Structure formats: structure tokens, C-alpha cells
Amino acid sequence: MKQPIVTGQAARVLQIIRDQQPVLSFILTADYAIPETAARVHDLRAKGFNIITRILPEVEFRGVTRRNAALYSLGSPEWPYPGFGNDKEGGGNA
């Protein structure tokens, strides 16, 4: 299997996570103007990337307490995530 090519906002999200992990979803949305971060993370996972999401019950962002914030990081291996290609839903070669 060969790592897929990632373009557009998904590529930006992947690079930012690589560079800054762990990174809050609010950072991706507010500082990098990526309005649907969760959708881009979903797209990356569908391609086999091992993105870990940790939900923080409470976080302070720009002086405001936010609840249920997503914190993204990359697992090891970065690609493919363990079991990728063996599941029924995504990405496997038949």
C-alpha cells in the first residue's frame, strides 16, 4: 500500500497537526481559517491517517472557557492506522 496524496484543506490540517501536535480544533478554525476541521480530520482518517482525537471537557481559548474541545495529534505509525484496509467501511483494497 502506498500513502495517499492529500491536497487542499486536508493537507493543511495534516501539516499543522504534524507541526504543532497536539493542536486544538479552535486553533485550526480561528488561526488557520479552516471552518470544518472535524470534516477534514474525517477525510484524513478515511485515507488511513492515524489521527487521534482527545476531547477535553473544558479548555480556555482566548480568555473564554470552551467545553468539549477536540485536541488532535498523530499516532504512530502516522499512516496507515492499525487495521486500516481490514475494516468493512473504509479504504481497503478488495
PDB file of N, CA and C in Angstrom:
ATOM      1  N   MET A   1       0.838  -1.183   0.000  1.00  0.00           N
ATOM      2  CA  MET A   1       0.000   0.000   0.000  1.00  0.00           C
ATOM      3  C   MET A   1       0.879   1.241   0.000  1.00  0.00           C
ATOM      4  N   LYS A   2       0.454   2.235  -0.731  1.00  0.00           N
ATOM      5  CA  LYS A   2       1.190   3.489  -0.834  1.00  0.00           C
ATOM      6  C   LYS A   2       0.395   4.597  -0.159  1.00  0.00           C
ATOM      7  N   GLN A   3       1.078   5.449   0.609  1.00  0.00           N
ATOM      8  CA  GLN A   3       0.409   6.551   1.294  1.00  0.00           C
ATOM      9  C   GLN A   3      -0.290   7.435   0.268  1.00  0.00           C
ATOM     10  N   PRO A   4      -1.550   7.811   0.529  1.00  0.00           N
ATOM     11  CA  PRO A   4      -2.297   8.607  -0.443  1.00  0.00           C
ATOM     12  C   PRO A   4      -1.821  10.057  -0.512  1.00  0.00           C
ATOM     13  N   ILE A   5      -2.079  10.666  -1.646  1.00  0.00           N
ATOM     14  CA  ILE A   5      -1.807  12.088  -1.814  1.00  0.00           C
ATOM     15  C   ILE A   5      -2.936  12.848  -1.140  1.00  0.00           C
ATOM     16  N   VAL A   6      -2.579  13.875  -0.380  1.00  0.00           N
ATOM     17  CA  VAL A   6      -3.558  14.698   0.321  1.00  0.00           C
ATOM     18  C   VAL A   6      -3.385  16.121  -0.173  1.00  0.00           C
ATOM     19  N   THR A   7      -4.504  16.772  -0.526  1.00  0.00           N
ATOM     20  CA  THR A   7      -4.452  18.128  -1.066  1.00  0.00           C
ATOM     21  C   THR A   7      -5.423  19.038  -0.317  1.00  0.00           C
ATOM     22  N   GLY A   8      -5.364  20.320  -0.638  1.00  0.00           N
ATOM     23  CA  GLY A   8      -6.326  21.285  -0.122  1.00  0.00           C
ATOM     24  C   GLY A   8      -6.274  21.454   1.383  1.00  0.00           C
ATOM     25  N   GLN A   9      -7.456  21.716   1.961  1.00  0.00           N
ATOM     26  CA  GLN A   9      -7.532  21.951   3.398  1.00  0.00           C
ATOM     27  C   GLN A   9      -7.110  20.731   4.201  1.00  0.00           C
ATOM     28  N   ALA A  10      -7.388  19.546   3.710  1.00  0.00           N
ATOM     29  CA  ALA A  10      -6.970  18.336   4.416  1.00  0.00           C
ATOM     30  C   ALA A  10      -5.445  18.299   4.542  1.00  0.00           C
ATOM     31  N   ALA A  11      -4.749  18.696   3.492  1.00  0.00           N
ATOM     32  CA  ALA A  11      -3.284  18.740   3.532  1.00  0.00           C
ATOM     33  C   ALA A  11      -2.798  19.766   4.549  1.00  0.00           C
ATOM     34  N   ARG A  12      -3.476  20.908   4.609  1.00  0.00           N
ATOM     35  CA  ARG A  12      -3.108  21.936   5.593  1.00  0.00           C
ATOM     36  C   ARG A  12      -3.308  21.420   7.009  1.00  0.00           C
ATOM     37  N   VAL A  13      -4.455  20.769   7.245  1.00  0.00           N
ATOM     38  CA  VAL A  13      -4.750  20.227   8.566  1.00  0.00           C
ATOM     39  C   VAL A  13      -3.688  19.204   8.958  1.00  0.00           C
ATOM     40  N   LEU A  14      -3.359  18.298   8.060  1.00  0.00           N
ATOM     41  CA  LEU A  14      -2.355  17.283   8.335  1.00  0.00           C
ATOM     42  C   LEU A  14      -1.010  17.922   8.679  1.00  0.00           C
ATOM     43  N   GLN A  15      -0.586  18.906   7.912  1.00  0.00           N
ATOM     44  CA  GLN A  15       0.698  19.560   8.163  1.00  0.00           C
ATOM     45  C   GLN A  15       0.702  20.304   9.492  1.00  0.00           C
ATOM     46  N   ILE A  16      -0.390  20.978   9.811  1.00  0.00           N
ATOM     47  CA  ILE A  16      -0.473  21.714  11.080  1.00  0.00           C
ATOM     48  C   ILE A  16      -0.437  20.748  12.259  1.00  0.00           C
ATOM     49  N   ILE A  17      -1.157  19.643  12.143  1.00  0.00           N
ATOM     50  CA  ILE A  17      -1.130  18.650  13.216  1.00  0.00           C
ATOM     51  C   ILE A  17       0.294  18.102  13.365  1.00  0.00           C
ATOM     52  N   ARG A  18       0.939  17.788  12.258  1.00  0.00           N
ATOM     53  CA  ARG A  18       2.332  17.299  12.313  1.00  0.00           C
ATOM     54  C   ARG A  18       3.239  18.295  13.027  1.00  0.00           C
ATOM     55  N   ASP A  19       3.091  19.565  12.673  1.00  0.00           N
ATOM     56  CA  ASP A  19       3.986  20.606  13.187  1.00  0.00           C
ATOM     57  C   ASP A  19       3.697  20.999  14.628  1.00  0.00           C
ATOM     58  N   GLN A  20       2.433  20.970  15.035  1.00  0.00           N
ATOM     59  CA  GLN A  20       2.063  21.561  16.321  1.00  0.00           C
ATOM     60  C   GLN A  20       1.458  20.576  17.319  1.00  0.00           C
ATOM     61  N   GLN A  21       1.374  19.330  16.979  1.00  0.00           N
ATOM     62  CA  GLN A  21       0.632  18.400  17.828  1.00  0.00           C
ATOM     63  C   GLN A  21       1.078  18.409  19.278  1.00  0.00           C
ATOM     64  N   PRO A  22       0.108  18.273  20.161  1.00  0.00           N
ATOM     65  CA  PRO A  22      -1.324  18.256  19.908  1.00  0.00           C
ATOM     66  C   PRO A  22      -1.819  19.670  19.605  1.00  0.00           C
ATOM     67  N   VAL A  23      -2.864  19.761  18.798  1.00  0.00           N
ATOM     68  CA  VAL A  23      -3.406  21.062  18.409  1.00  0.00           C
ATOM     69  C   VAL A  23      -4.915  21.072  18.628  1.00  0.00           C
ATOM     70  N   LEU A  24      -5.407  22.158  19.194  1.00  0.00           N
ATOM     71  CA  LEU A  24      -6.841  22.314  19.435  1.00  0.00           C
ATOM     72  C   LEU A  24      -7.588  22.601  18.139  1.00  0.00           C
ATOM     73  N   SER A  25      -8.777  22.087  18.050  1.00  0.00           N
ATOM     74  CA  SER A  25      -9.625  22.368  16.888  1.00  0.00           C
ATOM     75  C   SER A  25      -9.841  23.873  16.735  1.00  0.00           C
ATOM     76  N   PHE A  26      -9.927  24.601  17.843  1.00  0.00           N
ATOM     77  CA  PHE A  26     -10.128  26.055  17.780  1.00  0.00           C
ATOM     78  C   PHE A  26      -8.967  26.752  17.087  1.00  0.00           C
ATOM     79  N   ILE A  27      -7.762  26.254  17.252  1.00  0.00           N
ATOM     80  CA  ILE A  27      -6.593  26.837  16.585  1.00  0.00           C
ATOM     81  C   ILE A  27      -6.742  26.685  15.073  1.00  0.00           C
ATOM     82  N   LEU A  28      -7.118  25.489  14.644  1.00  0.00           N
ATOM     83  CA  LEU A  28      -7.287  25.245  13.205  1.00  0.00           C
ATOM     84  C   LEU A  28      -8.378  26.129  12.619  1.00  0.00           C
ATOM     85  N   THR A  29      -9.455  26.297  13.355  1.00  0.00           N
ATOM     86  CA  THR A  29     -10.577  27.105  12.866  1.00  0.00           C
ATOM     87  C   THR A  29     -10.262  28.596  12.907  1.00  0.00           C
ATOM     88  N   ALA A  30      -9.796  29.078  14.056  1.00  0.00           N
ATOM     89  CA  ALA A  30      -9.602  30.515  14.235  1.00  0.00           C
ATOM     90  C   ALA A  30      -8.325  31.045  13.593  1.00  0.00           C
ATOM     91  N   ASP A  31      -7.218  30.332  13.776  1.00  0.00           N
ATOM     92  CA  ASP A  31      -5.930  30.851  13.305  1.00  0.00           C
ATOM     93  C   ASP A  31      -5.617  30.490  11.859  1.00  0.00           C
ATOM     94  N   TYR A  32      -6.196  29.411  11.371  1.00  0.00           N
ATOM     95  CA  TYR A  32      -5.890  28.953  10.015  1.00  0.00           C
ATOM     96  C   TYR A  32      -7.098  28.984   9.082  1.00  0.00           C
ATOM     97  N   ALA A  33      -8.225  29.499   9.555  1.00  0.00           N
ATOM     98  CA  ALA A  33      -9.433  29.677   8.736  1.00  0.00           C
ATOM     99  C   ALA A  33      -9.888  28.378   8.072  1.00  0.00           C
ATOM    100  N   ILE A  34      -9.866  27.295   8.841  1.00  0.00           N
ATOM    101  CA  ILE A  34     -10.375  26.011   8.358  1.00  0.00           C
ATOM    102  C   ILE A  34     -11.698  25.781   9.071  1.00  0.00           C
ATOM    103  N   PRO A  35     -12.819  26.105   8.410  1.00  0.00           N
ATOM    104  CA  PRO A  35     -14.110  26.134   9.093  1.00  0.00           C
ATOM    105  C   PRO A  35     -14.661  24.774   9.504  1.00  0.00           C
ATOM    106  N   GLU A  36     -14.338  23.719   8.806  1.00  0.00           N
ATOM    107  CA  GLU A  36     -14.886  22.407   9.136  1.00  0.00           C
ATOM    108  C   GLU A  36     -13.749  21.433   9.419  1.00  0.00           C
ATOM    109  N   THR A  37     -13.041  21.731  10.487  1.00  0.00           N
ATOM    110  CA  THR A  37     -11.878  20.941  10.859  1.00  0.00           C
ATOM    111  C   THR A  37     -12.229  19.475  11.053  1.00  0.00           C
ATOM    112  N   ALA A  38     -13.318  19.196  11.751  1.00  0.00           N
ATOM    113  CA  ALA A  38     -13.702  17.801  12.013  1.00  0.00           C
ATOM    114  C   ALA A  38     -13.925  17.040  10.714  1.00  0.00           C
ATOM    115  N   ALA A  39     -14.481  17.694   9.719  1.00  0.00           N
ATOM    116  CA  ALA A  39     -14.705  17.043   8.421  1.00  0.00           C
ATOM    117  C   ALA A  39     -13.375  16.727   7.740  1.00  0.00           C
ATOM    118  N   ARG A  40     -12.407  17.643   7.838  1.00  0.00           N
ATOM    119  CA  ARG A  40     -11.090  17.385   7.242  1.00  0.00           C
ATOM    120  C   ARG A  40     -10.378  16.240   7.967  1.00  0.00           C
ATOM    121  N   VAL A  41     -10.510  16.187   9.285  1.00  0.00           N
ATOM    122  CA  VAL A  41      -9.926  15.088  10.050  1.00  0.00           C
ATOM    123  C   VAL A  41     -10.585  13.771   9.635  1.00  0.00           C
ATOM    124  N   HIS A  42     -11.884  13.801   9.458  1.00  0.00           N
ATOM    125  CA  HIS A  42     -12.606  12.604   8.993  1.00  0.00           C
ATOM    126  C   HIS A  42     -12.065  12.155   7.624  1.00  0.00           C
ATOM    127  N   ASP A  43     -11.866  13.108   6.727  1.00  0.00           N
ATOM    128  CA  ASP A  43     -11.329  12.789   5.398  1.00  0.00           C
ATOM    129  C   ASP A  43      -9.944  12.132   5.508  1.00  0.00           C
ATOM    130  N   LEU A  44      -9.118  12.661   6.397  1.00  0.00           N
ATOM    131  CA  LEU A  44      -7.779  12.102   6.580  1.00  0.00           C
ATOM    132  C   LEU A  44      -7.834  10.690   7.152  1.00  0.00           C
ATOM    133  N   ARG A  45      -8.724  10.480   8.093  1.00  0.00           N
ATOM    134  CA  ARG A  45      -8.881   9.130   8.652  1.00  0.00           C
ATOM    135  C   ARG A  45      -9.363   8.157   7.589  1.00  0.00           C
ATOM    136  N   ALA A  46     -10.265   8.616   6.720  1.00  0.00           N
ATOM    137  CA  ALA A  46     -10.774   7.760   5.648  1.00  0.00           C
ATOM    138  C   ALA A  46      -9.650   7.338   4.698  1.00  0.00           C
ATOM    139  N   LYS A  47      -8.602   8.162   4.614  1.00  0.00           N
ATOM    140  CA  LYS A  47      -7.443   7.823   3.782  1.00  0.00           C
ATOM    141  C   LYS A  47      -6.425   6.980   4.551  1.00  0.00           C
ATOM    142  N   GLY A  48      -6.688   6.720   5.825  1.00  0.00           N
ATOM    143  CA  GLY A  48      -5.829   5.852   6.605  1.00  0.00           C
ATOM    144  C   GLY A  48      -4.902   6.527   7.595  1.00  0.00           C
ATOM    145  N   PHE A  49      -4.974   7.855   7.731  1.00  0.00           N
ATOM    146  CA  PHE A  49      -4.091   8.542   8.658  1.00  0.00           C
ATOM    147  C   PHE A  49      -4.522   8.290  10.099  1.00  0.00           C
ATOM    148  N   ASN A  50      -3.547   8.114  10.957  1.00  0.00           N
ATOM    149  CA  ASN A  50      -3.749   7.741  12.346  1.00  0.00           C
ATOM    150  C   ASN A  50      -3.885   8.999  13.207  1.00  0.00           C
ATOM    151  N   ILE A  51      -4.999   9.702  13.029  1.00  0.00           N
ATOM    152  CA  ILE A  51      -5.230  10.929  13.784  1.00  0.00           C
ATOM    153  C   ILE A  51      -6.001  10.580  15.048  1.00  0.00           C
ATOM    154  N   ILE A  52      -5.444  10.992  16.158  1.00  0.00           N
ATOM    155  CA  ILE A  52      -6.043  10.730  17.457  1.00  0.00           C
ATOM    156  C   ILE A  52      -6.768  11.988  17.910  1.00  0.00           C
ATOM    157  N   THR A  53      -8.006  11.817  18.338  1.00  0.00           N
ATOM    158  CA  THR A  53      -8.789  12.923  18.865  1.00  0.00           C
ATOM    159  C   THR A  53      -9.021  12.679  20.346  1.00  0.00           C
ATOM    160  N   ARG A  54      -8.667  13.664  21.120  1.00  0.00           N
ATOM    161  CA  ARG A  54      -8.953  13.620  22.553  1.00  0.00           C
ATOM    162  C   ARG A  54      -9.893  14.775  22.847  1.00  0.00           C
ATOM    163  N   ILE A  55     -11.024  14.491  23.480  1.00  0.00           N
ATOM    164  CA  ILE A  55     -11.984  15.537  23.813  1.00  0.00           C
ATOM    165  C   ILE A  55     -11.681  16.039  25.224  1.00  0.00           C
ATOM    166  N   LEU A  56     -11.405  17.332  25.299  1.00  0.00           N
ATOM    167  CA  LEU A  56     -11.137  17.954  26.591  1.00  0.00           C
ATOM    168  C   LEU A  56     -12.450  18.530  27.120  1.00  0.00           C
ATOM    169  N   PRO A  57     -12.845  18.182  28.340  1.00  0.00           N
ATOM    170  CA  PRO A  57     -14.125  18.658  28.860  1.00  0.00           C
ATOM    171  C   PRO A  57     -14.196  20.177  28.957  1.00  0.00           C
ATOM    172  N   GLU A  58     -13.044  20.816  29.195  1.00  0.00           N
ATOM    173  CA  GLU A  58     -13.029  22.264  29.343  1.00  0.00           C
ATOM    174  C   GLU A  58     -11.646  22.787  28.990  1.00  0.00           C
ATOM    175  N   VAL A  59     -11.592  23.876  28.228  1.00  0.00           N
ATOM    176  CA  VAL A  59     -10.312  24.487  27.863  1.00  0.00           C
ATOM    177  C   VAL A  59     -10.529  25.997  27.758  1.00  0.00           C
ATOM    178  N   GLU A  60      -9.508  26.756  28.120  1.00  0.00           N
ATOM    179  CA  GLU A  60      -9.593  28.202  27.948  1.00  0.00           C
ATOM    180  C   GLU A  60      -8.937  28.557  26.616  1.00  0.00           C
ATOM    181  N   PHE A  61      -9.691  29.255  25.774  1.00  0.00           N
ATOM    182  CA  PHE A  61      -9.191  29.676  24.467  1.00  0.00           C
ATOM    183  C   PHE A  61      -9.513  31.142  24.294  1.00  0.00           C
ATOM    184  N   ARG A  62      -8.476  31.952  24.169  1.00  0.00           N
ATOM    185  CA  ARG A  62      -8.612  33.401  24.017  1.00  0.00           C
ATOM    186  C   ARG A  62      -9.466  34.017  25.118  1.00  0.00           C
ATOM    187  N   GLY A  63      -9.190  33.559  26.338  1.00  0.00           N
ATOM    188  CA  GLY A  63      -9.850  34.145  27.505  1.00  0.00           C
ATOM    189  C   GLY A  63     -11.251  33.655  27.780  1.00  0.00           C
ATOM    190  N   VAL A  64     -11.731  32.713  27.000  1.00  0.00           N
ATOM    191  CA  VAL A  64     -13.086  32.192  27.173  1.00  0.00           C
ATOM    192  C   VAL A  64     -13.006  30.694  27.448  1.00  0.00           C
ATOM    193  N   THR A  65     -13.774  30.235  28.421  1.00  0.00           N
ATOM    194  CA  THR A  65     -13.816  28.806  28.705  1.00  0.00           C
ATOM    195  C   THR A  65     -14.701  28.125  27.685  1.00  0.00           C
ATOM    196  N   ARG A  66     -14.143  27.151  27.013  1.00  0.00           N
ATOM    197  CA  ARG A  66     -14.876  26.375  26.000  1.00  0.00           C
ATOM    198  C   ARG A  66     -15.039  24.951  26.513  1.00  0.00           C
ATOM    199  N   ARG A  67     -16.128  24.320  26.135  1.00  0.00           N
ATOM    200  CA  ARG A  67     -16.385  22.953  26.578  1.00  0.00           C
ATOM    201  C   ARG A  67     -16.285  21.971  25.410  1.00  0.00           C
ATOM    202  N   ASN A  68     -15.863  20.761  25.733  1.00  0.00           N
ATOM    203  CA  ASN A  68     -15.769  19.671  24.753  1.00  0.00           C
ATOM    204  C   ASN A  68     -14.944  20.050  23.532  1.00  0.00           C
ATOM    205  N   ALA A  69     -13.718  20.461  23.780  1.00  0.00           N
ATOM    206  CA  ALA A  69     -12.808  20.861  22.700  1.00  0.00           C
ATOM    207  C   ALA A  69     -12.019  19.653  22.205  1.00  0.00           C
ATOM    208  N   ALA A  70     -11.880  19.547  20.898  1.00  0.00           N
ATOM    209  CA  ALA A  70     -11.098  18.460  20.301  1.00  0.00           C
ATOM    210  C   ALA A  70      -9.621  18.847  20.266  1.00  0.00           C
ATOM    211  N   LEU A  71      -8.801  17.895  20.665  1.00  0.00           N
ATOM    212  CA  LEU A  71      -7.353  18.051  20.614  1.00  0.00           C
ATOM    213  C   LEU A  71      -6.826  16.955  19.694  1.00  0.00           C
ATOM    214  N   TYR A  72      -6.157  17.350  18.597  1.00  0.00           N
ATOM    215  CA  TYR A  72      -5.714  16.398  17.579  1.00  0.00           C
ATOM    216  C   TYR A  72      -4.217  16.153  17.651  1.00  0.00           C
ATOM    217  N   SER A  73      -3.839  14.910  17.435  1.00  0.00           N
ATOM    218  CA  SER A  73      -2.429  14.539  17.318  1.00  0.00           C
ATOM    219  C   SER A  73      -2.334  13.341  16.379  1.00  0.00           C
ATOM    220  N   LEU A  74      -1.115  12.993  16.016  1.00  0.00           N
ATOM    221  CA  LEU A  74      -0.878  11.836  15.148  1.00  0.00           C
ATOM    222  C   LEU A  74      -0.364  10.668  15.970  1.00  0.00           C
ATOM    223  N   GLY A  75      -0.928   9.500  15.689  1.00  0.00           N
ATOM    224  CA  GLY A  75      -0.450   8.288  16.327  1.00  0.00           C
ATOM    225  C   GLY A  75       0.748   7.741  15.569  1.00  0.00           C
ATOM    226  N   SER A  76       1.268   6.652  16.071  1.00  0.00           N
ATOM    227  CA  SER A  76       2.392   6.001  15.423  1.00  0.00           C
ATOM    228  C   SER A  76       2.011   4.549  15.132  1.00  0.00           C
ATOM    229  N   PRO A  77       2.068   4.137  13.902  1.00  0.00           N
ATOM    230  CA  PRO A  77       2.553   4.871  12.738  1.00  0.00           C
ATOM    231  C   PRO A  77       1.553   5.945  12.308  1.00  0.00           C
ATOM    232  N   GLU A  78       2.071   6.957  11.633  1.00  0.00           N
ATOM    233  CA  GLU A  78       1.216   8.047  11.150  1.00  0.00           C
ATOM    234  C   GLU A  78       0.237   7.531  10.084  1.00  0.00           C
ATOM    235  N   TRP A  79       0.738   6.628   9.255  1.00  0.00           N
ATOM    236  CA  TRP A  79      -0.079   6.027   8.197  1.00  0.00           C
ATOM    237  C   TRP A  79       0.457   4.646   7.905  1.00  0.00           C
ATOM    238  N   PRO A  80      -0.350   3.679   7.636  1.00  0.00           N
ATOM    239  CA  PRO A  80      -1.788   3.646   7.879  1.00  0.00           C
ATOM    240  C   PRO A  80      -2.064   3.347   9.347  1.00  0.00           C
ATOM    241  N   TYR A  81      -3.237   3.747   9.800  1.00  0.00           N
ATOM    242  CA  TYR A  81      -3.576   3.442  11.192  1.00  0.00           C
ATOM    243  C   TYR A  81      -3.718   1.932  11.341  1.00  0.00           C
ATOM    244  N   PRO A  82      -3.477   1.416  12.539  1.00  0.00           N
ATOM    245  CA  PRO A  82      -3.569  -0.030  12.745  1.00  0.00           C
ATOM    246  C   PRO A  82      -4.937  -0.567  12.320  1.00  0.00           C
ATOM    247  N   GLY A  83      -4.928  -1.565  11.470  1.00  0.00           N
ATOM    248  CA  GLY A  83      -6.170  -2.170  10.987  1.00  0.00           C
ATOM    249  C   GLY A  83      -6.721  -1.547   9.721  1.00  0.00           C
ATOM    250  N   PHE A  84      -6.104  -0.471   9.233  1.00  0.00           N
ATOM    251  CA  PHE A  84      -6.594   0.158   8.001  1.00  0.00           C
ATOM    252  C   PHE A  84      -6.548  -0.849   6.857  1.00  0.00           C
ATOM    253  N   GLY A  85      -7.630  -0.901   6.099  1.00  0.00           N
ATOM    254  CA  GLY A  85      -7.708  -1.822   4.968  1.00  0.00           C
ATOM    255  C   GLY A  85      -8.336  -3.150   5.347  1.00  0.00           C
ATOM    256  N   ASN A  86      -8.485  -3.392   6.642  1.00  0.00           N
ATOM    257  CA  ASN A  86      -9.114  -4.626   7.097  1.00  0.00           C
ATOM    258  C   ASN A  86     -10.568  -4.433   7.505  1.00  0.00           C
ATOM    259  N   ASP A  87     -10.987  -3.172   7.638  1.00  0.00           N
ATOM    260  CA  ASP A  87     -12.357  -2.909   8.065  1.00  0.00           C
ATOM    261  C   ASP A  87     -13.300  -2.875   6.872  1.00  0.00           C
ATOM    262  N   LYS A  88     -14.578  -2.960   7.155  1.00  0.00           N
ATOM    263  CA  LYS A  88     -15.584  -3.003   6.088  1.00  0.00           C
ATOM    264  C   LYS A  88     -15.869  -1.626   5.520  1.00  0.00           C
ATOM    265  N   GLU A  89     -15.697  -0.557   6.337  1.00  0.00           N
ATOM    266  CA  GLU A  89     -16.120   0.763   5.904  1.00  0.00           C
ATOM    267  C   GLU A  89     -15.134   1.476   5.001  1.00  0.00           C
ATOM    268  N   GLY A  90     -13.861   1.479   5.357  1.00  0.00           N
ATOM    269  CA  GLY A  90     -13.060   2.428   4.628  1.00  0.00           C
ATOM    270  C   GLY A  90     -11.757   1.942   4.066  1.00  0.00           C
ATOM    271  N   GLY A  91     -11.496   2.397   2.899  1.00  0.00           N
ATOM    272  CA  GLY A  91     -10.184   2.426   2.352  1.00  0.00           C
ATOM    273  C   GLY A  91      -9.515   1.135   1.944  1.00  0.00           C
ATOM    274  N   GLY A  92     -10.070   0.011   2.237  1.00  0.00           N
ATOM    275  CA  GLY A  92      -9.370  -1.225   1.920  1.00  0.00           C
ATOM    276  C   GLY A  92      -9.385  -1.568   0.454  1.00  0.00           C
ATOM    277  N   ASN A  93      -8.376  -2.245   0.027  1.00  0.00           N
ATOM    278  CA  ASN A  93      -8.344  -2.725  -1.352  1.00  0.00           C
ATOM    279  C   ASN A  93      -8.972  -4.098  -1.390  1.00  0.00           C
ATOM    280  N   ALA A  94      -9.960  -4.259  -2.242  1.00  0.00           N
ATOM    281  CA  ALA A  94     -10.650  -5.549  -2.322  1.00  0.00           C
ATOM    282  C   ALA A  94      -9.978  -6.451  -3.328  1.00  0.00           C
TER     283      ALA A  94
END
